[in-house]
Protein backbone atom coordinates (compact mmCIF):
# COMPACT_ATOMS: atom_id res chain seq x y z
CA UNK A 1 26.33 6.63 11.85
CA UNK A 2 24.30 7.26 8.70
CA UNK A 3 25.75 6.26 5.34
CA UNK A 4 24.32 7.78 2.17
CA UNK A 5 25.30 7.93 -1.45
CA UNK A 6 26.53 11.41 -2.10
CA UNK A 7 28.52 13.72 -4.31
CA UNK A 8 30.05 16.53 -2.32
CA UNK A 9 32.64 19.26 -2.50
CA UNK A 10 34.15 21.94 -0.31
CA UNK A 11 35.58 25.30 -1.31
CA UNK A 12 37.65 27.46 1.04
CA UNK A 13 38.93 30.99 0.46
CA UNK A 14 42.59 31.84 1.02
CA UNK A 15 44.62 35.03 0.60
CA UNK A 16 45.93 33.83 -2.75
CA UNK A 17 42.65 32.67 -4.19
CA UNK A 18 40.27 29.72 -4.00
CA UNK A 19 41.34 26.24 -3.05
CA UNK A 20 38.89 23.56 -4.15
CA UNK A 21 38.76 19.91 -3.21
CA UNK A 22 36.17 18.08 -5.28
CA UNK A 23 34.75 14.57 -5.04
CA UNK A 24 33.18 14.11 -8.44
CA UNK A 25 32.22 10.43 -8.34
CA UNK A 26 29.19 8.96 -6.61
CA UNK A 27 30.53 7.12 -3.56
CA UNK A 28 29.49 5.74 -0.21
CA UNK A 29 30.18 8.64 2.10
CA UNK A 30 30.35 8.64 5.89
CA UNK A 31 29.25 11.98 7.31
CA UNK A 32 31.09 11.37 10.56
CA UNK A 33 34.33 12.01 8.70
CA UNK A 34 33.08 14.87 6.52
CA UNK A 35 33.64 18.54 7.10
CA UNK A 36 30.05 19.30 6.11
CA UNK A 37 27.66 21.98 7.34
CA UNK A 38 24.69 19.60 7.15
CA UNK A 39 24.64 16.24 8.85
CA UNK A 40 22.02 13.46 8.93
CA UNK A 41 20.83 12.38 12.37
CA UNK A 42 18.81 9.35 11.28
CA UNK A 43 17.20 7.66 8.31
CA UNK A 44 18.41 6.73 4.86
CA UNK A 45 17.64 7.26 1.19
CA UNK A 46 15.14 4.48 0.45
CA UNK A 47 11.65 4.39 -1.04
CA UNK A 48 9.27 5.28 1.80
CA UNK A 49 12.12 6.54 3.96
CA UNK A 50 12.83 9.81 5.76
CA UNK A 51 16.16 11.49 6.54
CA UNK A 52 16.37 13.99 9.40
CA UNK A 53 19.21 16.50 8.97
CA UNK A 54 20.89 18.99 11.26
CA UNK A 55 22.13 22.19 9.63
CA UNK A 56 23.65 24.22 12.43
CA UNK A 57 26.34 25.73 10.21
CA UNK A 58 24.35 26.29 7.01
CA UNK A 59 22.84 29.63 6.03
CA UNK A 60 20.97 28.56 2.86
CA UNK A 61 19.81 25.14 1.69
CA UNK A 62 18.13 24.08 -1.54
CA UNK A 63 16.57 20.74 -2.46
CA UNK A 64 16.43 20.17 -6.21
CA UNK A 65 16.86 23.92 -6.70
CA UNK A 66 14.07 24.97 -4.32
CA UNK A 67 14.75 26.70 -1.00
CA UNK A 68 14.40 24.56 2.14
CA UNK A 69 13.42 26.24 5.38
CA UNK A 70 15.49 25.35 8.44
CA UNK A 71 13.40 25.00 11.58
CA UNK A 72 14.28 26.74 14.84
CA UNK A 73 16.02 23.58 16.00
CA UNK A 74 18.38 23.96 13.01
CA UNK A 75 16.98 20.94 11.23
CA UNK A 76 15.17 19.89 8.07
CA UNK A 77 13.90 16.65 6.52
CA UNK A 78 13.82 14.91 3.15
CA UNK A 79 11.34 12.12 2.40
CA UNK A 80 10.94 9.57 -0.41
CA UNK A 81 7.70 8.28 -1.96
CA UNK A 82 6.95 4.61 -2.58
CA UNK A 83 8.02 4.78 -6.23
CA UNK A 84 10.73 7.48 -6.13
CA UNK A 85 13.74 6.61 -8.27
CA UNK A 86 15.06 10.03 -9.29
CA UNK A 87 18.18 11.65 -7.90
CA UNK A 88 17.53 14.31 -5.22
CA UNK A 89 20.17 17.01 -4.81
CA UNK A 90 20.81 19.14 -1.72
CA UNK A 91 22.94 22.28 -2.09
CA UNK A 92 24.01 24.02 1.10
CA UNK A 93 25.76 27.37 1.54
CA UNK A 94 27.81 27.07 4.72
CA UNK A 95 28.32 29.91 7.15
CA UNK A 96 32.08 29.83 6.58
CA UNK A 97 31.55 30.57 2.88
CA UNK A 98 32.01 27.02 1.63
CA UNK A 99 29.54 25.08 -0.48
CA UNK A 100 28.27 21.55 0.08
CA UNK A 101 26.45 19.32 -2.37
CA UNK A 102 24.76 16.02 -1.58
CA UNK A 103 23.13 13.64 -4.06
CA UNK A 104 20.54 11.24 -2.67
CA UNK A 105 19.58 8.17 -4.70
CA UNK A 106 16.67 6.25 -3.10
CA UNK A 107 17.15 2.52 -2.71
CA UNK A 108 14.42 0.63 -4.57
CA UNK A 109 12.19 -1.92 -2.87
CA UNK A 110 10.06 -4.91 -3.84
CA UNK A 111 6.47 -4.75 -2.53
CA UNK A 112 4.00 -7.46 -1.61
CA UNK A 113 0.53 -8.07 -3.03
CA UNK A 114 -2.40 -8.24 -0.62
CA UNK A 115 -5.85 -9.57 -1.50
CA UNK A 116 -8.81 -8.42 0.61
CA UNK A 117 -12.29 -9.86 0.15
CA UNK A 118 -15.63 -9.32 1.83
CA UNK A 119 -15.74 -5.54 1.43
CA UNK A 120 -19.14 -3.96 0.66
CA UNK A 121 -19.35 -3.32 -3.07
CA UNK A 122 -20.10 0.37 -2.52
CA UNK A 123 -16.71 0.67 -0.77
CA UNK A 124 -14.82 -0.82 -3.73
CA UNK A 125 -16.83 0.76 -6.55
CA UNK A 126 -18.71 3.70 -5.00
CA UNK A 127 -22.05 4.78 -6.51
CA UNK A 128 -22.04 7.95 -8.62
CA UNK A 129 -23.88 9.95 -5.96
CA UNK A 130 -20.95 9.43 -3.56
CA UNK A 131 -18.17 10.52 -5.92
CA UNK A 132 -18.55 14.20 -5.08
CA UNK A 133 -18.14 13.49 -1.36
CA UNK A 134 -15.07 11.34 -2.05
CA UNK A 135 -13.51 14.16 -4.08
CA UNK A 136 -14.22 16.65 -1.28
CA UNK A 137 -12.72 14.26 1.31
CA UNK A 138 -9.60 13.89 -0.82
CA UNK A 139 -9.16 17.64 -1.11
CA UNK A 140 -9.58 18.14 2.66
CA UNK A 141 -6.92 15.50 3.35
CA UNK A 142 -4.58 17.12 0.82
CA UNK A 143 -5.03 20.51 2.47
CA UNK A 144 -4.42 19.08 5.94
CA UNK A 145 -1.21 17.37 4.87
CA UNK A 146 0.07 20.48 3.07
CA UNK A 147 0.32 22.49 6.29
CA UNK A 148 3.88 23.23 7.37
CA UNK A 149 3.05 23.22 11.05
CA UNK A 150 5.16 24.81 13.75
CA UNK A 151 8.89 25.41 13.33
CA UNK A 152 9.69 22.97 16.13
CA UNK A 153 10.75 19.47 15.12
CA UNK A 154 8.41 17.42 17.30
CA UNK A 155 9.54 14.37 15.34
CA UNK A 156 13.26 14.63 16.16
CA UNK A 157 13.23 11.64 18.54
CA UNK A 158 11.23 9.53 16.10
CA UNK A 159 7.64 8.31 16.08
CA UNK A 160 6.09 5.94 18.59
CA UNK A 161 3.67 3.21 17.57
CA UNK A 162 0.15 4.53 18.25
CA UNK A 163 -1.35 1.20 19.30
CA UNK A 164 -0.16 -2.28 20.21
CA UNK A 165 -1.56 -4.99 17.94
CA UNK A 166 -0.99 -7.36 15.05
CA UNK A 167 0.29 -5.94 11.76
CA UNK A 168 -2.14 -7.08 9.07
CA UNK A 169 -1.18 -4.74 6.23
CA UNK A 170 2.15 -3.22 5.22
CA UNK A 171 3.27 -0.13 3.35
CA UNK A 172 3.55 -0.24 -0.43
CA UNK A 173 1.64 -3.46 -0.99
CA UNK A 174 -0.43 -3.81 -4.15
CA UNK A 175 -4.08 -4.04 -3.12
CA UNK A 176 -6.62 -6.37 -4.73
CA UNK A 177 -10.03 -5.51 -3.26
CA UNK A 178 -12.85 -7.98 -3.93
CA UNK A 179 -10.81 -9.16 -6.91
CA UNK A 180 -10.30 -5.67 -8.36
CA UNK A 181 -6.82 -4.00 -8.47
CA UNK A 182 -6.72 -0.72 -6.56
CA UNK A 183 -4.12 1.80 -5.37
CA UNK A 184 -1.19 0.53 -3.31
CA UNK A 185 -1.51 0.71 0.45
CA UNK A 186 0.41 3.63 1.91
CA UNK A 187 0.08 2.84 5.59
CA UNK A 188 0.45 0.17 8.26
CA UNK A 189 -2.67 -1.73 9.33
CA UNK A 190 -2.61 -2.71 13.02
CA UNK A 191 -5.40 -5.01 14.19
CA UNK A 192 -6.63 -4.52 17.76
CA UNK A 193 -9.94 -4.94 19.61
CA UNK A 194 -12.59 -2.27 19.14
CA UNK A 195 -12.19 0.43 21.75
CA UNK A 196 -8.42 0.01 22.20
CA UNK A 197 -6.89 3.45 22.91
CA UNK A 198 -4.86 5.09 20.15
CA UNK A 199 -2.12 7.58 21.07
CA UNK A 200 -0.40 10.36 19.15
CA UNK A 201 2.85 8.98 17.71
CA UNK A 202 4.51 12.40 18.16
CA UNK A 203 3.48 15.80 19.49
CA UNK A 204 1.74 18.24 17.16
CA UNK A 205 -1.44 20.01 16.14
CA UNK A 206 -4.63 18.31 14.95
CA UNK A 207 -5.29 19.49 11.38
CA UNK A 208 -8.13 17.04 10.66
CA UNK A 209 -10.69 15.26 12.85
CA UNK A 210 -13.49 14.14 10.54
CA UNK A 211 -15.60 11.19 9.37
CA UNK A 212 -14.54 10.40 5.79
CA UNK A 213 -16.15 8.00 3.32
CA UNK A 214 -13.27 5.57 2.78
CA UNK A 215 -11.28 5.96 6.01
CA UNK A 216 -14.11 6.58 8.49
CA UNK A 217 -13.21 8.66 11.54
CA UNK A 218 -9.83 10.10 10.64
CA UNK A 219 -7.33 12.22 12.55
CA UNK A 220 -4.33 13.98 10.99
CA UNK A 221 -1.66 15.54 13.20
CA UNK A 222 0.91 18.03 11.90
CA UNK A 223 4.34 17.61 13.50
CA UNK A 224 6.20 20.47 11.79
CA UNK A 225 8.30 20.72 8.61
CA UNK A 226 5.33 19.39 6.57
CA UNK A 227 5.46 16.04 8.38
CA UNK A 228 2.09 14.61 9.41
CA UNK A 229 0.67 11.37 10.77
CA UNK A 230 -2.78 9.96 9.94
CA UNK A 231 -4.99 7.63 12.01
CA UNK A 232 -7.99 6.06 10.23
CA UNK A 233 -11.05 3.83 10.80
CA UNK A 234 -11.45 5.00 14.42
CA UNK A 235 -14.58 4.07 16.34
CA UNK A 236 -14.51 7.36 18.21
CA UNK A 237 -12.19 10.37 18.54
CA UNK A 238 -11.28 12.47 21.57
CA UNK A 239 -9.65 15.48 19.90
CA UNK A 240 -10.87 18.39 17.81
CA UNK A 241 -9.50 20.43 14.93
CA UNK A 242 -6.82 22.79 16.22
CA UNK A 243 -6.01 20.87 19.40
CA UNK A 244 -2.38 20.52 20.43
CA UNK A 245 -1.60 16.96 21.50
CA UNK A 246 1.38 15.60 23.39
CA UNK A 247 3.32 12.55 22.36
CA UNK A 248 1.53 9.52 23.79
CA UNK A 249 -1.75 11.36 24.43
CA UNK A 250 -4.93 9.37 23.68
CA UNK A 251 -6.62 10.75 20.57
CA UNK A 252 -9.30 8.10 19.93
CA UNK A 253 -10.04 4.37 19.93
CA UNK A 254 -9.76 1.54 17.42
CA UNK A 255 -12.79 0.86 15.24
CA UNK A 256 -13.85 -0.41 11.84
CA UNK A 257 -15.44 2.65 10.23
CA UNK A 258 -15.18 3.41 6.52
CA UNK A 259 -13.77 0.78 4.13
CA UNK A 260 -12.81 -1.91 6.62
CA UNK A 261 -13.38 -5.60 7.25
CA UNK A 262 -12.51 -5.57 10.95
CA UNK A 263 -11.28 -3.50 13.87
CA UNK A 264 -7.88 -2.01 13.12
CA UNK A 265 -5.89 1.21 12.81
CA UNK A 266 -4.55 2.38 9.46
CA UNK A 267 -1.52 4.50 10.43
CA UNK A 268 0.27 6.68 7.89
CA UNK A 269 3.07 9.24 7.79
CA UNK A 270 3.39 11.90 5.08
CA UNK A 271 5.95 14.50 4.11
CA UNK A 272 4.22 16.95 1.74
CA UNK A 273 2.87 14.66 -1.01
CA UNK A 274 5.37 11.91 -0.26
CA UNK A 275 3.81 8.80 1.31
CA UNK A 276 6.29 7.42 3.85
CA UNK A 277 6.64 4.00 5.47
CA UNK A 278 5.93 4.19 9.23
CA UNK A 279 7.86 0.96 9.84
CA UNK A 280 11.04 2.59 8.50
CA UNK A 281 10.58 5.78 10.52
CA UNK A 282 9.04 4.73 13.83
CA UNK A 283 10.71 3.41 16.94
CA UNK A 284 10.63 -0.34 17.47
CA UNK A 285 7.20 -1.96 17.33
CA UNK A 286 6.01 -2.85 20.85
């Protein structure tokens, strides 16, 4: 059962007019007892979290006033960034003519601070001649993550951990690199020996397979509905742009390329421009 804060109402047409039952206050609402045309399968409203919905009886859905496409499995997703605090509103037009409204308020989190020393100075404060390449890398990553992907929800059964190892960095942590504050970390760092196989956490299409300045050899896989997973600092890769990969298929091996102090995988999950927490979304760590 998934419990979410919501504000919902149902309207039904009768021969004598419209009968409305309205819940106007923000309450804890159990979907298992609701006569709703959208239902969450898993996840919750929390910073870094992802909710997977089924919408078998909805004809139109909007998120914050913008249309949401329902995939061919009758599902859709909603994700929350590290710092999201604003109310998100889902409006659904049900096939029986009723309306459903759901308000999602992300639970706020407290993040750790992580200090990392021993990085090459050019990886913390890059020289001017490298800035253009970094900007180009950033744009390529943005384009890769903006692809909708297929209409099949390859992610419906969750994400598997791509490698077995020791977690050395967590999502959301404030990063201090060589004593200098930098952007928060938006992934999970998993330390493992160089050459350890890395597998696709879910099926999908490779939308990036490239050596980038900061993240070294990097693979991005699109899983549908704008969900993607990223695998960075690889020693070597075994897939190419455009390849379809199965869940659990080897896509490369652990390395320490790019901005790294040792062999590890930086694993990330994105929904559009929302950076999600893999530990909240993935199946249990091996």
